[in-house]
Amino acid sequence: MRLVDTTKLLELQNKPSNVRNICIVAHVDHGKTTLADSLISSNGIISQRMSGKLRYMDSRPDEQERGITMKSSSISLYHVSEKEEYLVNLIDSPGHIDFSSEVSTAVRLCDGAIVVVSCNIGHYNPFMIKQ
Protein backbone atom coordinates (compact mmCIF):
# COMPACT_ATOMS: atom_id res chain seq x y z
CA MET A 1 0.00 0.00 0.00
CA ARG A 2 1.24 3.49 -0.70
CA LEU A 3 1.66 6.30 1.80
CA VAL A 4 -1.69 7.88 2.77
CA ASP A 5 -2.11 11.63 2.42
CA THR A 6 -2.27 13.36 5.81
CA THR A 7 -5.37 15.30 4.76
CA LYS A 8 -7.21 11.96 4.55
CA LEU A 9 -6.18 11.18 8.14
CA LEU A 10 -7.31 14.64 9.27
CA GLU A 11 -10.71 14.11 7.62
CA LEU A 12 -11.14 10.79 9.42
CA GLN A 13 -10.27 12.38 12.78
CA ASN A 14 -13.43 14.46 12.41
CA LYS A 15 -15.57 11.31 12.04
CA PRO A 16 -15.50 9.68 15.51
CA SER A 17 -17.64 6.78 14.30
CA ASN A 18 -14.76 5.81 12.00
CA VAL A 19 -11.98 6.03 14.60
CA ARG A 20 -10.77 2.90 16.40
CA ASN A 21 -8.26 2.86 19.26
CA ILE A 22 -6.48 -0.49 19.37
CA CYS A 23 -3.76 -1.70 21.75
CA ILE A 24 -1.36 -4.57 21.14
CA VAL A 25 -0.77 -6.59 24.33
CA ALA A 26 1.38 -9.65 24.98
CA HIS A 27 4.17 -10.98 27.13
CA VAL A 28 7.71 -9.76 26.41
CA ASP A 29 9.26 -11.09 23.16
CA HIS A 30 6.00 -12.41 21.71
CA GLY A 31 6.07 -10.12 18.67
CA LYS A 32 4.06 -6.98 19.53
CA THR A 33 6.52 -4.58 17.95
CA THR A 34 7.04 -6.88 14.95
CA LEU A 35 3.27 -6.93 14.41
CA ALA A 36 3.16 -3.12 14.77
CA ASP A 37 5.95 -2.82 12.17
CA SER A 38 3.95 -5.00 9.76
CA LEU A 39 0.84 -2.87 10.20
CA ILE A 40 2.87 0.32 9.76
CA SER A 41 4.44 -1.05 6.57
CA SER A 42 0.92 -1.71 5.20
CA ASN A 43 0.45 2.08 5.25
CA GLY A 44 3.71 2.69 3.39
CA ILE A 45 5.38 4.43 6.34
CA ILE A 46 8.23 1.91 6.39
CA SER A 47 9.22 -0.63 3.75
CA GLN A 48 7.98 -4.20 4.05
CA ARG A 49 11.62 -5.29 3.89
CA MET A 50 12.38 -3.36 7.09
CA SER A 51 9.24 -4.56 8.87
CA GLY A 52 10.17 -6.47 12.01
CA LYS A 53 13.77 -5.25 11.92
CA LEU A 54 13.31 -1.51 12.34
CA ARG A 55 11.28 -1.51 15.60
CA TYR A 56 9.67 1.73 14.41
CA MET A 57 7.57 2.25 17.55
CA ASP A 58 10.57 1.83 19.89
CA SER A 59 11.87 5.36 19.38
CA ARG A 60 13.89 5.70 22.59
CA PRO A 61 17.60 4.84 22.42
CA ASP A 62 17.36 2.56 25.49
CA GLU A 63 14.50 0.61 23.87
CA GLN A 64 16.51 0.12 20.68
CA GLU A 65 19.60 -0.88 22.65
CA ARG A 66 17.81 -3.39 24.90
CA GLY A 67 15.41 -4.63 22.21
CA ILE A 68 12.31 -4.27 24.39
CA THR A 69 9.45 -1.79 24.55
CA MET A 70 9.46 0.25 27.77
CA LYS A 71 7.04 3.08 26.91
CA SER A 72 3.78 2.76 25.04
CA SER A 73 3.89 4.39 21.60
CA SER A 74 1.06 5.20 19.25
CA ILE A 75 0.57 5.83 15.56
CA SER A 76 -2.46 6.59 13.39
CA LEU A 77 -3.02 4.23 10.47
CA TYR A 78 -5.46 4.23 7.57
CA HIS A 79 -7.63 1.15 7.03
CA VAL A 80 -10.42 0.32 4.56
CA SER A 81 -12.97 -2.39 5.33
CA GLU A 82 -15.99 -3.10 3.14
CA LYS A 83 -15.53 0.28 1.37
CA GLU A 84 -15.61 2.11 4.72
CA GLU A 85 -12.54 4.12 5.72
CA TYR A 86 -11.18 4.03 9.26
CA LEU A 87 -8.53 5.79 11.28
CA VAL A 88 -6.88 3.20 13.53
CA ASN A 89 -4.92 4.62 16.45
CA LEU A 90 -2.55 1.77 17.23
CA ILE A 91 -0.77 1.56 20.58
CA ASP A 92 2.25 -0.72 21.00
CA SER A 93 2.54 -1.47 24.73
CA PRO A 94 5.39 -3.00 26.76
CA GLY A 95 5.29 -6.69 27.61
CA HIS A 96 7.48 -6.85 30.69
CA ILE A 97 5.71 -6.78 34.08
CA ASP A 98 8.02 -3.96 35.23
CA PHE A 99 6.17 -1.68 32.81
CA SER A 100 2.63 -2.81 33.65
CA SER A 101 1.48 0.76 34.43
CA GLU A 102 2.17 1.61 30.77
CA VAL A 103 0.01 -1.32 29.68
CA SER A 104 -2.81 -0.37 32.07
CA THR A 105 -2.89 3.18 30.74
CA ALA A 106 -2.84 2.03 27.11
CA VAL A 107 -5.65 -0.48 27.62
CA ARG A 108 -7.88 2.09 29.33
CA LEU A 109 -7.60 4.36 26.27
CA CYS A 110 -8.61 1.68 23.79
CA ASP A 111 -11.77 0.33 22.19
CA GLY A 112 -10.19 -3.08 21.76
CA ALA A 113 -6.97 -5.03 21.88
CA ILE A 114 -4.94 -7.42 19.80
CA VAL A 115 -3.64 -10.12 22.14
CA VAL A 116 -0.51 -11.81 20.80
CA VAL A 117 0.45 -15.22 22.20
CA SER A 118 3.63 -16.85 20.91
CA CYS A 119 2.95 -20.42 19.85
CA ASN A 120 6.65 -21.09 20.19
CA ILE A 121 6.89 -19.86 23.78
CA GLY A 122 3.33 -20.82 24.66
CA HIS A 123 2.55 -18.66 27.68
CA TYR A 124 1.14 -15.23 28.36
CA ASN A 125 0.93 -12.87 31.29
CA PRO A 126 -2.60 -13.17 32.79
CA PHE A 127 -2.17 -9.78 34.50
CA MET A 128 -2.16 -8.10 31.07
CA ILE A 129 -5.32 -9.91 29.98
CA LYS A 130 -7.18 -8.86 33.15
CA GLN A 131 -6.62 -5.20 32.28
C-alpha atoms as a PDB file:
ATOM      1  CA  MET A   1       0.000   0.000   0.000  1.00  0.00           C
ATOM      2  CA  ARG A   2       1.240   3.487  -0.705  1.00  0.00           C
ATOM      3  CA  LEU A   3       1.656   6.303   1.796  1.00  0.00           C
ATOM      4  CA  VAL A   4      -1.686   7.876   2.773  1.00  0.00           C
ATOM      5  CA  ASP A   5      -2.114  11.626   2.416  1.00  0.00           C
ATOM      6  CA  THR A   6      -2.270  13.358   5.815  1.00  0.00           C
ATOM      7  CA  THR A   7      -5.371  15.302   4.756  1.00  0.00           C
ATOM      8  CA  LYS A   8      -7.212  11.957   4.547  1.00  0.00           C
ATOM      9  CA  LEU A   9      -6.184  11.178   8.141  1.00  0.00           C
ATOM     10  CA  LEU A  10      -7.313  14.636   9.271  1.00  0.00           C
ATOM     11  CA  GLU A  11     -10.711  14.112   7.616  1.00  0.00           C
ATOM     12  CA  LEU A  12     -11.139  10.791   9.420  1.00  0.00           C
ATOM     13  CA  GLN A  13     -10.266  12.380  12.778  1.00  0.00           C
ATOM     14  CA  ASN A  14     -13.431  14.462  12.413  1.00  0.00           C
ATOM     15  CA  LYS A  15     -15.568  11.311  12.041  1.00  0.00           C
ATOM     16  CA  PRO A  16     -15.505   9.683  15.515  1.00  0.00           C
ATOM     17  CA  SER A  17     -17.645   6.777  14.301  1.00  0.00           C
ATOM     18  CA  ASN A  18     -14.762   5.809  12.002  1.00  0.00           C
ATOM     19  CA  VAL A  19     -11.978   6.028  14.603  1.00  0.00           C
ATOM     20  CA  ARG A  20     -10.770   2.904  16.396  1.00  0.00           C
ATOM     21  CA  ASN A  21      -8.259   2.863  19.255  1.00  0.00           C
ATOM     22  CA  ILE A  22      -6.485  -0.492  19.367  1.00  0.00           C
ATOM     23  CA  CYS A  23      -3.763  -1.695  21.750  1.00  0.00           C
ATOM     24  CA  ILE A  24      -1.359  -4.572  21.137  1.00  0.00           C
ATOM     25  CA  VAL A  25      -0.768  -6.588  24.329  1.00  0.00           C
ATOM     26  CA  ALA A  26       1.380  -9.654  24.981  1.00  0.00           C
ATOM     27  CA  HIS A  27       4.167 -10.984  27.133  1.00  0.00           C
ATOM     28  CA  VAL A  28       7.705  -9.762  26.413  1.00  0.00           C
ATOM     29  CA  ASP A  29       9.263 -11.086  23.157  1.00  0.00           C
ATOM     30  CA  HIS A  30       6.002 -12.408  21.712  1.00  0.00           C
ATOM     31  CA  GLY A  31       6.069 -10.116  18.667  1.00  0.00           C
ATOM     32  CA  LYS A  32       4.063  -6.981  19.535  1.00  0.00           C
ATOM     33  CA  THR A  33       6.517  -4.578  17.949  1.00  0.00           C
ATOM     34  CA  THR A  34       7.040  -6.876  14.949  1.00  0.00           C
ATOM     35  CA  LEU A  35       3.270  -6.930  14.411  1.00  0.00           C
ATOM     36  CA  ALA A  36       3.155  -3.124  14.767  1.00  0.00           C
ATOM     37  CA  ASP A  37       5.946  -2.821  12.173  1.00  0.00           C
ATOM     38  CA  SER A  38       3.953  -4.996   9.759  1.00  0.00           C
ATOM     39  CA  LEU A  39       0.836  -2.874  10.200  1.00  0.00           C
ATOM     40  CA  ILE A  40       2.870   0.318   9.758  1.00  0.00           C
ATOM     41  CA  SER A  41       4.436  -1.047   6.567  1.00  0.00           C
ATOM     42  CA  SER A  42       0.923  -1.712   5.205  1.00  0.00           C
ATOM     43  CA  ASN A  43       0.448   2.080   5.247  1.00  0.00           C
ATOM     44  CA  GLY A  44       3.707   2.688   3.391  1.00  0.00           C
ATOM     45  CA  ILE A  45       5.381   4.429   6.343  1.00  0.00           C
ATOM     46  CA  ILE A  46       8.230   1.913   6.385  1.00  0.00           C
ATOM     47  CA  SER A  47       9.220  -0.631   3.746  1.00  0.00           C
ATOM     48  CA  GLN A  48       7.984  -4.198   4.054  1.00  0.00           C
ATOM     49  CA  ARG A  49      11.622  -5.295   3.886  1.00  0.00           C
ATOM     50  CA  MET A  50      12.377  -3.357   7.091  1.00  0.00           C
ATOM     51  CA  SER A  51       9.240  -4.559   8.871  1.00  0.00           C
ATOM     52  CA  GLY A  52      10.170  -6.474  12.014  1.00  0.00           C
ATOM     53  CA  LYS A  53      13.767  -5.245  11.922  1.00  0.00           C
ATOM     54  CA  LEU A  54      13.311  -1.509  12.339  1.00  0.00           C
ATOM     55  CA  ARG A  55      11.275  -1.510  15.597  1.00  0.00           C
ATOM     56  CA  TYR A  56       9.670   1.735  14.409  1.00  0.00           C
ATOM     57  CA  MET A  57       7.566   2.245  17.552  1.00  0.00           C
ATOM     58  CA  ASP A  58      10.570   1.830  19.886  1.00  0.00           C
ATOM     59  CA  SER A  59      11.871   5.356  19.376  1.00  0.00           C
ATOM     60  CA  ARG A  60      13.886   5.704  22.589  1.00  0.00           C
ATOM     61  CA  PRO A  61      17.602   4.840  22.417  1.00  0.00           C
ATOM     62  CA  ASP A  62      17.364   2.558  25.487  1.00  0.00           C
ATOM     63  CA  GLU A  63      14.501   0.611  23.868  1.00  0.00           C
ATOM     64  CA  GLN A  64      16.511   0.120  20.676  1.00  0.00           C
ATOM     65  CA  GLU A  65      19.598  -0.878  22.650  1.00  0.00           C
ATOM     66  CA  ARG A  66      17.812  -3.394  24.903  1.00  0.00           C
ATOM     67  CA  GLY A  67      15.410  -4.628  22.208  1.00  0.00           C
ATOM     68  CA  ILE A  68      12.308  -4.269  24.390  1.00  0.00           C
ATOM     69  CA  THR A  69       9.445  -1.790  24.547  1.00  0.00           C
ATOM     70  CA  MET A  70       9.459   0.248  27.770  1.00  0.00           C
ATOM     71  CA  LYS A  71       7.040   3.080  26.914  1.00  0.00           C
ATOM     72  CA  SER A  72       3.783   2.760  25.037  1.00  0.00           C
ATOM     73  CA  SER A  73       3.887   4.386  21.603  1.00  0.00           C
ATOM     74  CA  SER A  74       1.057   5.204  19.246  1.00  0.00           C
ATOM     75  CA  ILE A  75       0.572   5.834  15.562  1.00  0.00           C
ATOM     76  CA  SER A  76      -2.460   6.588  13.388  1.00  0.00           C
ATOM     77  CA  LEU A  77      -3.025   4.225  10.470  1.00  0.00           C
ATOM     78  CA  TYR A  78      -5.459   4.229   7.567  1.00  0.00           C
ATOM     79  CA  HIS A  79      -7.629   1.153   7.026  1.00  0.00           C
ATOM     80  CA  VAL A  80     -10.418   0.317   4.562  1.00  0.00           C
ATOM     81  CA  SER A  81     -12.972  -2.395   5.334  1.00  0.00           C
ATOM     82  CA  GLU A  82     -15.987  -3.098   3.137  1.00  0.00           C
ATOM     83  CA  LYS A  83     -15.525   0.275   1.367  1.00  0.00           C
ATOM     84  CA  GLU A  84     -15.607   2.111   4.721  1.00  0.00           C
ATOM     85  CA  GLU A  85     -12.539   4.123   5.716  1.00  0.00           C
ATOM     86  CA  TYR A  86     -11.180   4.031   9.264  1.00  0.00           C
ATOM     87  CA  LEU A  87      -8.531   5.789  11.278  1.00  0.00           C
ATOM     88  CA  VAL A  88      -6.880   3.196  13.533  1.00  0.00           C
ATOM     89  CA  ASN A  89      -4.919   4.624  16.447  1.00  0.00           C
ATOM     90  CA  LEU A  90      -2.554   1.767  17.227  1.00  0.00           C
ATOM     91  CA  ILE A  91      -0.768   1.558  20.585  1.00  0.00           C
ATOM     92  CA  ASP A  92       2.253  -0.718  21.002  1.00  0.00           C
ATOM     93  CA  SER A  93       2.543  -1.468  24.732  1.00  0.00           C
ATOM     94  CA  PRO A  94       5.393  -3.000  26.761  1.00  0.00           C
ATOM     95  CA  GLY A  95       5.292  -6.694  27.608  1.00  0.00           C
ATOM     96  CA  HIS A  96       7.478  -6.851  30.687  1.00  0.00           C
ATOM     97  CA  ILE A  97       5.710  -6.779  34.081  1.00  0.00           C
ATOM     98  CA  ASP A  98       8.022  -3.957  35.228  1.00  0.00           C
ATOM     99  CA  PHE A  99       6.165  -1.679  32.806  1.00  0.00           C
ATOM    100  CA  SER A 100       2.626  -2.812  33.652  1.00  0.00           C
ATOM    101  CA  SER A 101       1.480   0.759  34.427  1.00  0.00           C
ATOM    102  CA  GLU A 102       2.174   1.611  30.771  1.00  0.00           C
ATOM    103  CA  VAL A 103       0.014  -1.321  29.679  1.00  0.00           C
ATOM    104  CA  SER A 104      -2.811  -0.370  32.069  1.00  0.00           C
ATOM    105  CA  THR A 105      -2.895   3.179  30.738  1.00  0.00           C
ATOM    106  CA  ALA A 106      -2.844   2.031  27.106  1.00  0.00           C
ATOM    107  CA  VAL A 107      -5.651  -0.481  27.623  1.00  0.00           C
ATOM    108  CA  ARG A 108      -7.882   2.095  29.327  1.00  0.00           C
ATOM    109  CA  LEU A 109      -7.599   4.358  26.274  1.00  0.00           C
ATOM    110  CA  CYS A 110      -8.613   1.681  23.787  1.00  0.00           C
ATOM    111  CA  ASP A 111     -11.767   0.333  22.187  1.00  0.00           C
ATOM    112  CA  GLY A 112     -10.191  -3.085  21.764  1.00  0.00           C
ATOM    113  CA  ALA A 113      -6.966  -5.032  21.881  1.00  0.00           C
ATOM    114  CA  ILE A 114      -4.938  -7.418  19.795  1.00  0.00           C
ATOM    115  CA  VAL A 115      -3.642 -10.120  22.135  1.00  0.00           C
ATOM    116  CA  VAL A 116      -0.508 -11.813  20.803  1.00  0.00           C
ATOM    117  CA  VAL A 117       0.453 -15.222  22.196  1.00  0.00           C
ATOM    118  CA  SER A 118       3.630 -16.845  20.914  1.00  0.00           C
ATOM    119  CA  CYS A 119       2.945 -20.423  19.854  1.00  0.00           C
ATOM    120  CA  ASN A 120       6.649 -21.087  20.194  1.00  0.00           C
ATOM    121  CA  ILE A 121       6.891 -19.858  23.783  1.00  0.00           C
ATOM    122  CA  GLY A 122       3.325 -20.818  24.663  1.00  0.00           C
ATOM    123  CA  HIS A 123       2.548 -18.663  27.678  1.00  0.00           C
ATOM    124  CA  TYR A 124       1.141 -15.228  28.359  1.00  0.00           C
ATOM    125  CA  ASN A 125       0.926 -12.872  31.291  1.00  0.00           C
ATOM    126  CA  PRO A 126      -2.598 -13.166  32.793  1.00  0.00           C
ATOM    127  CA  PHE A 127      -2.174  -9.781  34.499  1.00  0.00           C
ATOM    128  CA  MET A 128      -2.157  -8.101  31.073  1.00  0.00           C
ATOM    129  CA  ILE A 129      -5.319  -9.912  29.980  1.00  0.00           C
ATOM    130  CA  LYS A 130      -7.180  -8.859  33.152  1.00  0.00           C
ATOM    131  CA  GLN A 131      -6.621  -5.203  32.281  1.00  0.00           C
END
